[in-house]
């Protein structure tokens, strides 16, 4: 027997992000089921490399 489909806990469609004239994201879709762990990592403009 299969489980009934569940609605996503998170859904985002068509995300965009600009930094001045620089397009960082364009039309990103994201969906996560309940109980899913998401993480994101990106170097920011303020981040410094280790010395």
PDB file of N, CA and C in Angstrom:
ATOM      1  N   UNK A   1       0.848  -1.175   0.000  1.00  0.00           N
ATOM      2  CA  UNK A   1       0.000   0.000   0.000  1.00  0.00           C
ATOM      3  C   UNK A   1       0.895   1.240   0.000  1.00  0.00           C
ATOM      4  N   UNK A   2       0.557   2.224  -0.781  1.00  0.00           N
ATOM      5  CA  UNK A   2       1.343   3.456  -0.847  1.00  0.00           C
ATOM      6  C   UNK A   2       0.683   4.531   0.001  1.00  0.00           C
ATOM      7  N   UNK A   3       1.504   5.461   0.456  1.00  0.00           N
ATOM      8  CA  UNK A   3       0.996   6.582   1.248  1.00  0.00           C
ATOM      9  C   UNK A   3       0.314   7.592   0.334  1.00  0.00           C
ATOM     10  N   UNK A   4      -0.694   8.280   0.855  1.00  0.00           N
ATOM     11  CA  UNK A   4      -1.314   9.315   0.030  1.00  0.00           C
ATOM     12  C   UNK A   4      -0.334  10.465  -0.190  1.00  0.00           C
ATOM     13  N   UNK A   5      -0.417  11.139  -1.313  1.00  0.00           N
ATOM     14  CA  UNK A   5       0.503  12.253  -1.564  1.00  0.00           C
ATOM     15  C   UNK A   5       0.298  13.364  -0.534  1.00  0.00           C
ATOM     16  N   UNK A   6       1.393  13.979  -0.144  1.00  0.00           N
ATOM     17  CA  UNK A   6       1.320  15.093   0.804  1.00  0.00           C
ATOM     18  C   UNK A   6       1.648  16.392   0.091  1.00  0.00           C
ATOM     19  N   UNK A   7       1.144  17.466   0.643  1.00  0.00           N
ATOM     20  CA  UNK A   7       1.459  18.789   0.100  1.00  0.00           C
ATOM     21  C   UNK A   7       2.867  19.170   0.524  1.00  0.00           C
ATOM     22  N   UNK A   8       3.581  19.928  -0.294  1.00  0.00           N
ATOM     23  CA  UNK A   8       4.924  20.354   0.097  1.00  0.00           C
ATOM     24  C   UNK A   8       4.870  21.280   1.304  1.00  0.00           C
ATOM     25  N   UNK A   9       5.875  21.184   2.155  1.00  0.00           N
ATOM     26  CA  UNK A   9       5.986  22.094   3.295  1.00  0.00           C
ATOM     27  C   UNK A   9       6.465  23.465   2.823  1.00  0.00           C
ATOM     28  N   UNK A  10       7.283  23.457   1.786  1.00  0.00           N
ATOM     29  CA  UNK A  10       7.821  24.700   1.206  1.00  0.00           C
ATOM     30  C   UNK A  10       7.674  24.624  -0.299  1.00  0.00           C
ATOM     31  N   UNK A  11       7.185  25.691  -0.884  1.00  0.00           N
ATOM     32  CA  UNK A  11       7.134  25.775  -2.350  1.00  0.00           C
ATOM     33  C   UNK A  11       7.408  27.230  -2.739  1.00  0.00           C
ATOM     34  N   UNK A  12       8.351  27.401  -3.628  1.00  0.00           N
ATOM     35  CA  UNK A  12       8.664  28.721  -4.170  1.00  0.00           C
ATOM     36  C   UNK A  12       8.842  28.558  -5.669  1.00  0.00           C
ATOM     37  N   UNK A  13       8.265  29.446  -6.423  1.00  0.00           N
ATOM     38  CA  UNK A  13       8.342  29.346  -7.881  1.00  0.00           C
ATOM     39  C   UNK A  13       8.788  30.671  -8.486  1.00  0.00           C
ATOM     40  N   UNK A  14       9.670  30.579  -9.444  1.00  0.00           N
ATOM     41  CA  UNK A  14      10.086  31.759 -10.195  1.00  0.00           C
ATOM     42  C   UNK A  14      10.910  32.766  -9.411  1.00  0.00           C
ATOM     43  N   UNK A  15      11.711  32.296  -8.450  1.00  0.00           N
ATOM     44  CA  UNK A  15      12.524  33.221  -7.656  1.00  0.00           C
ATOM     45  C   UNK A  15      13.571  33.912  -8.507  1.00  0.00           C
ATOM     46  N   UNK A  16      13.755  35.191  -8.262  1.00  0.00           N
ATOM     47  CA  UNK A  16      14.812  35.947  -8.914  1.00  0.00           C
ATOM     48  C   UNK A  16      15.551  36.765  -7.867  1.00  0.00           C
ATOM     49  N   UNK A  17      16.819  37.056  -8.125  1.00  0.00           N
ATOM     50  CA  UNK A  17      17.614  37.897  -7.235  1.00  0.00           C
ATOM     51  C   UNK A  17      18.642  38.620  -8.066  1.00  0.00           C
ATOM     52  N   UNK A  18      18.740  39.916  -7.833  1.00  0.00           N
ATOM     53  CA  UNK A  18      19.726  40.755  -8.521  1.00  0.00           C
ATOM     54  C   UNK A  18      20.616  41.436  -7.504  1.00  0.00           C
ATOM     55  N   UNK A  19      21.858  41.649  -7.885  1.00  0.00           N
ATOM     56  CA  UNK A  19      22.799  42.467  -7.131  1.00  0.00           C
ATOM     57  C   UNK A  19      23.252  43.550  -8.098  1.00  0.00           C
ATOM     58  N   UNK A  20      22.586  44.685  -8.032  1.00  0.00           N
ATOM     59  CA  UNK A  20      22.843  45.731  -9.022  1.00  0.00           C
ATOM     60  C   UNK A  20      22.419  45.241 -10.392  1.00  0.00           C
ATOM     61  N   UNK A  21      23.349  45.244 -11.342  1.00  0.00           N
ATOM     62  CA  UNK A  21      23.048  44.766 -12.694  1.00  0.00           C
ATOM     63  C   UNK A  21      23.286  43.268 -12.853  1.00  0.00           C
ATOM     64  N   UNK A  22      23.858  42.627 -11.831  1.00  0.00           N
ATOM     65  CA  UNK A  22      24.179  41.195 -11.889  1.00  0.00           C
ATOM     66  C   UNK A  22      22.975  40.350 -11.496  1.00  0.00           C
ATOM     67  N   UNK A  23      22.509  39.492 -12.408  1.00  0.00           N
ATOM     68  CA  UNK A  23      21.392  38.583 -12.143  1.00  0.00           C
ATOM     69  C   UNK A  23      21.966  37.322 -11.507  1.00  0.00           C
ATOM     70  N   UNK A  24      21.649  37.080 -10.224  1.00  0.00           N
ATOM     71  CA  UNK A  24      22.172  35.915  -9.517  1.00  0.00           C
ATOM     72  C   UNK A  24      21.238  34.709  -9.660  1.00  0.00           C
ATOM     73  N   UNK A  25      19.941  34.936  -9.579  1.00  0.00           N
ATOM     74  CA  UNK A  25      18.946  33.873  -9.762  1.00  0.00           C
ATOM     75  C   UNK A  25      17.933  34.341 -10.787  1.00  0.00           C
ATOM     76  N   UNK A  26      17.456  33.392 -11.596  1.00  0.00           N
ATOM     77  CA  UNK A  26      16.465  33.745 -12.601  1.00  0.00           C
ATOM     78  C   UNK A  26      15.506  32.577 -12.795  1.00  0.00           C
ATOM     79  N   UNK A  27      14.330  32.672 -12.185  1.00  0.00           N
ATOM     80  CA  UNK A  27      13.310  31.649 -12.375  1.00  0.00           C
ATOM     81  C   UNK A  27      13.573  30.352 -11.638  1.00  0.00           C
ATOM     82  N   UNK A  28      14.133  30.410 -10.435  1.00  0.00           N
ATOM     83  CA  UNK A  28      14.429  29.210  -9.658  1.00  0.00           C
ATOM     84  C   UNK A  28      13.163  28.721  -8.968  1.00  0.00           C
ATOM     85  N   UNK A  29      12.899  27.415  -9.066  1.00  0.00           N
ATOM     86  CA  UNK A  29      11.772  26.780  -8.381  1.00  0.00           C
ATOM     87  C   UNK A  29      12.325  25.872  -7.287  1.00  0.00           C
ATOM     88  N   UNK A  30      11.632  25.840  -6.156  1.00  0.00           N
ATOM     89  CA  UNK A  30      12.055  25.024  -5.025  1.00  0.00           C
ATOM     90  C   UNK A  30      10.830  24.411  -4.379  1.00  0.00           C
ATOM     91  N   UNK A  31      10.924  23.121  -4.048  1.00  0.00           N
ATOM     92  CA  UNK A  31       9.839  22.450  -3.357  1.00  0.00           C
ATOM     93  C   UNK A  31      10.448  21.426  -2.413  1.00  0.00           C
ATOM     94  N   UNK A  32       9.938  21.366  -1.177  1.00  0.00           N
ATOM     95  CA  UNK A  32      10.439  20.420  -0.185  1.00  0.00           C
ATOM     96  C   UNK A  32       9.271  19.777   0.542  1.00  0.00           C
ATOM     97  N   UNK A  33       9.351  18.467   0.685  1.00  0.00           N
ATOM     98  CA  UNK A  33       8.317  17.715   1.389  1.00  0.00           C
ATOM     99  C   UNK A  33       8.451  17.924   2.899  1.00  0.00           C
ATOM    100  N   UNK A  34       7.384  17.716   3.646  1.00  0.00           N
ATOM    101  CA  UNK A  34       7.474  17.803   5.106  1.00  0.00           C
ATOM    102  C   UNK A  34       8.567  16.865   5.635  1.00  0.00           C
ATOM    103  N   UNK A  35       9.352  17.354   6.586  1.00  0.00           N
ATOM    104  CA  UNK A  35      10.425  16.551   7.167  1.00  0.00           C
ATOM    105  C   UNK A  35      11.742  16.637   6.430  1.00  0.00           C
ATOM    106  N   UNK A  36      11.779  17.327   5.307  1.00  0.00           N
ATOM    107  CA  UNK A  36      13.009  17.482   4.535  1.00  0.00           C
ATOM    108  C   UNK A  36      13.879  18.561   5.164  1.00  0.00           C
ATOM    109  N   UNK A  37      15.172  18.306   5.221  1.00  0.00           N
ATOM    110  CA  UNK A  37      16.122  19.299   5.731  1.00  0.00           C
ATOM    111  C   UNK A  37      16.839  19.908   4.535  1.00  0.00           C
ATOM    112  N   UNK A  38      16.770  21.226   4.426  1.00  0.00           N
ATOM    113  CA  UNK A  38      17.421  21.930   3.322  1.00  0.00           C
ATOM    114  C   UNK A  38      18.532  22.811   3.866  1.00  0.00           C
ATOM    115  N   UNK A  39      19.562  22.961   3.093  1.00  0.00           N
ATOM    116  CA  UNK A  39      20.639  23.866   3.459  1.00  0.00           C
ATOM    117  C   UNK A  39      21.165  24.541   2.214  1.00  0.00           C
ATOM    118  N   UNK A  40      21.724  25.689   2.403  1.00  0.00           N
ATOM    119  CA  UNK A  40      22.296  26.389   1.278  1.00  0.00           C
ATOM    120  C   UNK A  40      23.551  27.086   1.757  1.00  0.00           C
ATOM    121  N   UNK A  41      24.533  27.104   0.911  1.00  0.00           N
ATOM    122  CA  UNK A  41      25.795  27.718   1.278  1.00  0.00           C
ATOM    123  C   UNK A  41      26.321  28.470   0.068  1.00  0.00           C
ATOM    124  N   UNK A  42      26.725  29.681   0.314  1.00  0.00           N
ATOM    125  CA  UNK A  42      27.291  30.476  -0.766  1.00  0.00           C
ATOM    126  C   UNK A  42      28.259  31.488  -0.175  1.00  0.00           C
ATOM    127  N   UNK A  43      29.256  31.757  -0.900  1.00  0.00           N
ATOM    128  CA  UNK A  43      30.203  32.786  -0.471  1.00  0.00           C
ATOM    129  C   UNK A  43      29.551  34.136  -0.690  1.00  0.00           C
ATOM    130  N   UNK A  44      29.568  34.969   0.304  1.00  0.00           N
ATOM    131  CA  UNK A  44      28.973  36.290   0.192  1.00  0.00           C
ATOM    132  C   UNK A  44      30.044  37.324  -0.117  1.00  0.00           C
ATOM    133  N   UNK A  45      29.614  38.492  -0.460  1.00  0.00           N
ATOM    134  CA  UNK A  45      30.555  39.567  -0.769  1.00  0.00           C
ATOM    135  C   UNK A  45      31.416  39.922   0.444  1.00  0.00           C
ATOM    136  N   UNK A  46      30.909  39.676   1.648  1.00  0.00           N
ATOM    137  CA  UNK A  46      31.659  39.996   2.858  1.00  0.00           C
ATOM    138  C   UNK A  46      32.535  38.850   3.338  1.00  0.00           C
ATOM    139  N   UNK A  47      32.368  37.673   2.769  1.00  0.00           N
ATOM    140  CA  UNK A  47      33.160  36.523   3.205  1.00  0.00           C
ATOM    141  C   UNK A  47      34.627  36.706   2.807  1.00  0.00           C
ATOM    142  N   UNK A  48      35.490  36.254   3.672  1.00  0.00           N
ATOM    143  CA  UNK A  48      36.932  36.328   3.402  1.00  0.00           C
ATOM    144  C   UNK A  48      37.486  34.914   3.344  1.00  0.00           C
ATOM    145  N   UNK A  49      38.392  34.665   2.412  1.00  0.00           N
ATOM    146  CA  UNK A  49      39.004  33.322   2.385  1.00  0.00           C
ATOM    147  C   UNK A  49      39.884  33.115   3.610  1.00  0.00           C
ATOM    148  N   UNK A  50      40.038  31.868   4.063  1.00  0.00           N
ATOM    149  CA  UNK A  50      40.929  31.605   5.214  1.00  0.00           C
ATOM    150  C   UNK A  50      42.356  31.983   4.882  1.00  0.00           C
ATOM    151  N   UNK A  51      43.086  32.410   5.893  1.00  0.00           N
ATOM    152  CA  UNK A  51      44.489  32.816   5.691  1.00  0.00           C
ATOM    153  C   UNK A  51      45.427  31.771   6.210  1.00  0.00           C
TER     154      UNK A  51
END
